[in-house]
Amino acid sequence: MSINDKEKKKLQRAILIIACEVARICKKNDIPYFINGGTQIGAVRHNGFIPWDDDFDIGFKRKDYEKFIKACDKDLNKDKFFLQTPETEEYYAFDFAKLQLKGTEIIEDFSKNVKIQHGIFVDLFPHDNIPDCKLKRKLFLFKNHLMKNILWVKCGYGEKKHKSKLSYKMVKFVSKFFSIKQIKQSRSKLLDKYNNTKTTQCIISDYPNDLIMNSWLDDLQLFRFEEVEFYGIKQYDAYLKSLYGDYMSLPPESERIVHSNYKIDFGLYDGLLEDMLYGNNI
């Protein structure tokens, strides 16, 4: 079920509340972070959200990501937010964290039957080094892809149309020989393998085709995003061109779509978010 324009704007306001909490904790603990992907495009091209977009991505170097997770133990407003990680919920199959707004719900089609919390969220992506050697890199990416798919199937992710495919059934058969804990531990060990080695590039584990220069992550600057500011990559032009090509040109209207959501509920925040559409304060 897709969301209408008003719901999308309310969702963007809710997401901005979460993103500001991430930035607050990072500032308090001197932890570098950066907006990335479509969020960085939004900052550069629109000074905020891409008008039709409905998510927010924040990146970290792996060591800074781990610092952030630990900082949340003492500094996160736990009455208002929930930090979802591979450790907090058995059936959560991603290697990255999501900071969720408690009392809200957004259930995406591919995970609607997974037994996890489904609050409105901001994605928190650790970036892991990949080997410069082409052969080692191919092996690394293959193992990551295989373990990701096994874990997804094991935890119950996937839309109905995917579950009927032979490839899905084959992966499901293989997954029976491993526990969720075993797969998570093996994948975590793999992704950390080169983080103490100086390499040219890094990746986000769930987007392995997006190769990112490590040097880009060493130089950050503030970008306006709506009425606040977030750190992003100073060499954003090289970064965004490498991922998207001509990122300043708007895509065709047919491609200006939000992520497909099965259900969305703003809960107790519904009235507050409604007011924010007009008051523009967070």
Foldseek 3Di string as FASTA:
>chain_A
DADDLLVLLLLQVQQVVQVVLLVVLCVVVVQDKAWDDQQVLCLVQPLAHPSFERATEMEHAQVSQVVSVVSCVPRPPVVFWDKAACVVDVLPQFHWIWIFGPQKAWAAQQCNPFPDGGGSTHTYFHKFDAAPDPVSRVVLLVLLVLLSLLSCLLRRTGHPVVCVDPVSVVSPVVSVVDGSVVSSVVNVCSRHVCSVPDHQWIGGSVCVVQTHGPVQSVAWDWTRHQPDIDIHGPVVVVNCCSPPNPSNDDDPPVPSHYRHTPDIGPGPCVVVSVVCVPVVDD
